[in-house]
Amino acid sequence: MLAGPLPGIYDPTGPGKLLFAFVAAMAETERENICESTLEGLDTAGRKGKHGGQPPVIADDMLHIVLRRARTASPSSRSSPT
């Protein structure tokens, strides 16, 4: 038997079994619809050049500047670990 706020509502025989099977089938169909529409939305956004997720922490141009400065810095100007 089910426990919770509605004990005794679900009858595992006859109409209760049929109702449970119907609700389970509807939930499965809704889950499939949600997955399908999510994938369609991601595909549409990808074709428009929009991609989800967080923005990059550092832009490509800033990364190139930092790496160039790290290569050209003299060893004496770098701080030594303490």
N, C-alpha and C. Protein backbone atom coordinates (compact mmCIF):
# COMPACT_ATOMS: atom_id res chain seq x y z
N MET A 1 0.82 -1.19 0.00
CA MET A 1 0.00 0.00 0.00
C MET A 1 0.86 1.25 0.00
N LEU A 2 0.32 2.30 -0.53
CA LEU A 2 1.01 3.59 -0.53
C LEU A 2 0.83 4.26 0.82
N ALA A 3 1.84 5.02 1.21
CA ALA A 3 1.76 5.79 2.44
C ALA A 3 1.77 7.26 2.08
N GLY A 4 1.37 8.11 2.97
CA GLY A 4 1.39 9.53 2.71
C GLY A 4 0.06 10.17 3.03
N PRO A 5 -0.23 11.31 2.41
CA PRO A 5 -1.45 12.03 2.76
C PRO A 5 -2.74 11.35 2.27
N LEU A 6 -2.63 10.42 1.34
CA LEU A 6 -3.83 9.77 0.81
C LEU A 6 -3.78 8.25 0.96
N PRO A 7 -3.60 7.74 2.17
CA PRO A 7 -3.54 6.29 2.32
C PRO A 7 -4.89 5.65 1.99
N GLY A 8 -4.85 4.51 1.38
CA GLY A 8 -6.06 3.79 1.05
C GLY A 8 -6.71 4.20 -0.26
N ILE A 9 -6.18 5.19 -0.95
CA ILE A 9 -6.76 5.62 -2.22
C ILE A 9 -6.40 4.65 -3.33
N TYR A 10 -5.16 4.18 -3.33
CA TYR A 10 -4.71 3.27 -4.38
C TYR A 10 -5.10 1.85 -4.02
N ASP A 11 -5.86 1.24 -4.88
CA ASP A 11 -6.23 -0.16 -4.72
C ASP A 11 -5.48 -0.95 -5.77
N PRO A 12 -4.56 -1.85 -5.38
CA PRO A 12 -3.74 -2.56 -6.38
C PRO A 12 -4.51 -3.55 -7.24
N THR A 13 -5.80 -3.61 -7.09
CA THR A 13 -6.60 -4.51 -7.93
C THR A 13 -7.65 -3.70 -8.67
N GLY A 14 -8.01 -4.15 -9.83
CA GLY A 14 -9.10 -3.56 -10.57
C GLY A 14 -8.87 -2.12 -11.00
N PRO A 15 -9.79 -1.21 -10.65
CA PRO A 15 -9.72 0.17 -11.13
C PRO A 15 -8.46 0.91 -10.66
N GLY A 16 -7.99 0.61 -9.47
CA GLY A 16 -6.78 1.27 -8.97
C GLY A 16 -5.56 0.94 -9.80
N LYS A 17 -5.47 -0.32 -10.20
CA LYS A 17 -4.35 -0.76 -11.04
C LYS A 17 -4.42 -0.08 -12.41
N LEU A 18 -5.61 0.02 -12.96
CA LEU A 18 -5.81 0.67 -14.26
C LEU A 18 -5.46 2.16 -14.17
N LEU A 19 -5.92 2.82 -13.12
CA LEU A 19 -5.64 4.24 -12.93
C LEU A 19 -4.14 4.48 -12.79
N PHE A 20 -3.47 3.64 -12.01
CA PHE A 20 -2.02 3.79 -11.82
C PHE A 20 -1.28 3.60 -13.15
N ALA A 21 -1.69 2.62 -13.96
CA ALA A 21 -1.06 2.39 -15.26
C ALA A 21 -1.28 3.58 -16.19
N PHE A 22 -2.46 4.17 -16.16
CA PHE A 22 -2.77 5.33 -16.99
C PHE A 22 -1.91 6.53 -16.59
N VAL A 23 -1.83 6.80 -15.31
CA VAL A 23 -1.04 7.93 -14.83
C VAL A 23 0.45 7.71 -15.16
N ALA A 24 0.93 6.50 -15.01
CA ALA A 24 2.33 6.19 -15.34
C ALA A 24 2.60 6.40 -16.83
N ALA A 25 1.66 5.99 -17.68
CA ALA A 25 1.84 6.17 -19.13
C ALA A 25 1.83 7.65 -19.49
N MET A 26 0.97 8.44 -18.87
CA MET A 26 0.93 9.88 -19.13
C MET A 26 2.23 10.55 -18.69
N ALA A 27 2.76 10.14 -17.54
CA ALA A 27 4.00 10.72 -17.05
C ALA A 27 5.16 10.39 -17.99
N GLU A 28 5.19 9.17 -18.50
CA GLU A 28 6.24 8.78 -19.43
C GLU A 28 6.15 9.57 -20.74
N THR A 29 4.92 9.75 -21.24
CA THR A 29 4.73 10.53 -22.45
C THR A 29 5.16 11.98 -22.26
N GLU A 30 4.82 12.56 -21.12
CA GLU A 30 5.20 13.95 -20.84
C GLU A 30 6.72 14.08 -20.73
N ARG A 31 7.37 13.11 -20.13
CA ARG A 31 8.82 13.13 -20.04
C ARG A 31 9.46 13.10 -21.42
N GLU A 32 8.94 12.26 -22.29
CA GLU A 32 9.46 12.19 -23.66
C GLU A 32 9.25 13.51 -24.40
N ASN A 33 8.09 14.14 -24.20
CA ASN A 33 7.81 15.44 -24.84
C ASN A 33 8.77 16.52 -24.34
N ILE A 34 9.05 16.52 -23.04
CA ILE A 34 9.98 17.50 -22.48
C ILE A 34 11.38 17.31 -23.06
N CYS A 35 11.84 16.07 -23.12
CA CYS A 35 13.16 15.78 -23.69
C CYS A 35 13.24 16.22 -25.15
N GLU A 36 12.21 15.92 -25.92
CA GLU A 36 12.19 16.26 -27.33
C GLU A 36 12.20 17.78 -27.55
N SER A 37 11.38 18.50 -26.79
CA SER A 37 11.34 19.95 -26.97
C SER A 37 12.62 20.61 -26.48
N THR A 38 13.25 20.06 -25.46
CA THR A 38 14.53 20.60 -25.00
C THR A 38 15.60 20.43 -26.06
N LEU A 39 15.68 19.26 -26.67
CA LEU A 39 16.67 19.03 -27.73
C LEU A 39 16.40 19.91 -28.95
N GLU A 40 15.12 20.11 -29.29
CA GLU A 40 14.79 21.00 -30.41
C GLU A 40 15.21 22.43 -30.11
N GLY A 41 14.99 22.87 -28.87
CA GLY A 41 15.38 24.22 -28.48
C GLY A 41 16.88 24.41 -28.51
N LEU A 42 17.62 23.41 -28.04
CA LEU A 42 19.09 23.49 -28.08
C LEU A 42 19.59 23.51 -29.51
N ASP A 43 18.97 22.74 -30.38
CA ASP A 43 19.37 22.71 -31.79
C ASP A 43 19.10 24.06 -32.46
N THR A 44 17.93 24.63 -32.20
CA THR A 44 17.58 25.93 -32.76
C THR A 44 18.54 27.01 -32.26
N ALA A 45 18.83 27.00 -30.97
CA ALA A 45 19.76 27.99 -30.41
C ALA A 45 21.16 27.82 -31.00
N GLY A 46 21.58 26.58 -31.20
CA GLY A 46 22.89 26.34 -31.80
C GLY A 46 22.99 26.86 -33.22
N ARG A 47 21.90 26.70 -33.99
CA ARG A 47 21.91 27.22 -35.35
C ARG A 47 21.93 28.75 -35.38
N LYS A 48 21.41 29.38 -34.31
CA LYS A 48 21.45 30.84 -34.22
C LYS A 48 22.76 31.35 -33.63
N GLY A 49 23.65 30.42 -33.27
CA GLY A 49 24.95 30.81 -32.71
C GLY A 49 24.92 31.07 -31.22
N LYS A 50 23.86 30.68 -30.56
CA LYS A 50 23.76 30.88 -29.13
C LYS A 50 24.02 29.56 -28.43
N HIS A 51 24.93 29.60 -27.48
CA HIS A 51 25.26 28.39 -26.74
C HIS A 51 25.10 28.67 -25.26
N GLY A 52 24.55 27.73 -24.54
CA GLY A 52 24.30 27.91 -23.12
C GLY A 52 25.58 27.78 -22.30
N GLY A 53 25.42 27.92 -21.03
CA GLY A 53 26.54 27.80 -20.12
C GLY A 53 27.02 29.15 -19.63
N GLN A 54 27.99 29.10 -18.76
CA GLN A 54 28.54 30.33 -18.20
C GLN A 54 29.48 30.99 -19.20
N PRO A 55 29.58 32.31 -19.14
CA PRO A 55 30.54 32.99 -20.01
C PRO A 55 31.96 32.64 -19.60
N PRO A 56 32.90 32.73 -20.53
CA PRO A 56 34.28 32.40 -20.18
C PRO A 56 34.81 33.35 -19.12
N VAL A 57 35.70 32.85 -18.27
CA VAL A 57 36.27 33.66 -17.20
C VAL A 57 37.21 34.70 -17.78
N ILE A 58 37.96 34.31 -18.80
CA ILE A 58 38.90 35.23 -19.42
C ILE A 58 38.70 35.15 -20.93
N ALA A 59 38.68 36.30 -21.57
CA ALA A 59 38.47 36.34 -23.02
C ALA A 59 39.75 35.90 -23.73
N ASP A 60 39.61 35.49 -24.98
CA ASP A 60 40.76 35.00 -25.74
C ASP A 60 41.84 36.07 -25.90
N ASP A 61 41.44 37.32 -26.15
CA ASP A 61 42.45 38.36 -26.33
C ASP A 61 43.21 38.62 -25.03
N MET A 62 42.53 38.57 -23.90
CA MET A 62 43.21 38.75 -22.62
C MET A 62 44.14 37.57 -22.33
N LEU A 63 43.75 36.38 -22.70
CA LEU A 63 44.59 35.21 -22.48
C LEU A 63 45.88 35.34 -23.28
N HIS A 64 45.80 35.81 -24.52
CA HIS A 64 46.99 35.98 -25.34
C HIS A 64 47.93 37.02 -24.74
N ILE A 65 47.37 38.09 -24.20
CA ILE A 65 48.19 39.13 -23.57
C ILE A 65 48.92 38.57 -22.35
N VAL A 66 48.21 37.84 -21.52
CA VAL A 66 48.82 37.28 -20.31
C VAL A 66 49.92 36.28 -20.67
N LEU A 67 49.66 35.41 -21.65
CA LEU A 67 50.67 34.43 -22.03
C LEU A 67 51.89 35.10 -22.65
N ARG A 68 51.68 36.13 -23.46
CA ARG A 68 52.80 36.85 -24.06
C ARG A 68 53.64 37.53 -22.97
N ARG A 69 53.00 38.14 -22.00
CA ARG A 69 53.74 38.78 -20.91
C ARG A 69 54.50 37.75 -20.08
N ALA A 70 53.92 36.58 -19.89
CA ALA A 70 54.59 35.53 -19.12
C ALA A 70 55.83 35.03 -19.85
N ARG A 71 55.76 34.95 -21.18
CA ARG A 71 56.93 34.48 -21.96
C ARG A 71 58.04 35.54 -21.98
N THR A 72 57.67 36.82 -22.04
CA THR A 72 58.68 37.87 -22.18
C THR A 72 59.20 38.37 -20.83
N ALA A 73 58.58 37.98 -19.73
CA ALA A 73 59.03 38.45 -18.42
C ALA A 73 60.38 37.84 -18.08
N SER A 74 61.24 38.63 -17.51
CA SER A 74 62.56 38.12 -17.11
C SER A 74 62.41 37.30 -15.84
N PRO A 75 63.30 36.33 -15.64
CA PRO A 75 63.19 35.47 -14.45
C PRO A 75 63.33 36.28 -13.15
N SER A 76 64.07 37.38 -13.15
CA SER A 76 64.24 38.17 -11.93
C SER A 76 62.98 38.95 -11.59
N SER A 77 62.13 39.23 -12.56
CA SER A 77 60.92 40.01 -12.28
C SER A 77 59.81 39.13 -11.74
N ARG A 78 59.96 37.83 -11.87
CA ARG A 78 58.93 36.91 -11.33
C ARG A 78 59.14 36.76 -9.84
N SER A 79 58.05 36.72 -9.12
CA SER A 79 58.17 36.55 -7.67
C SER A 79 58.47 35.10 -7.34
N SER A 80 59.30 34.91 -6.35
CA SER A 80 59.64 33.55 -5.95
C SER A 80 58.64 33.08 -4.89
N PRO A 81 58.28 31.82 -4.91
CA PRO A 81 57.33 31.30 -3.93
C PRO A 81 57.96 31.33 -2.54
N THR A 82 57.16 31.63 -1.57
CA THR A 82 57.66 31.70 -0.18
C THR A 82 57.23 30.52 0.62
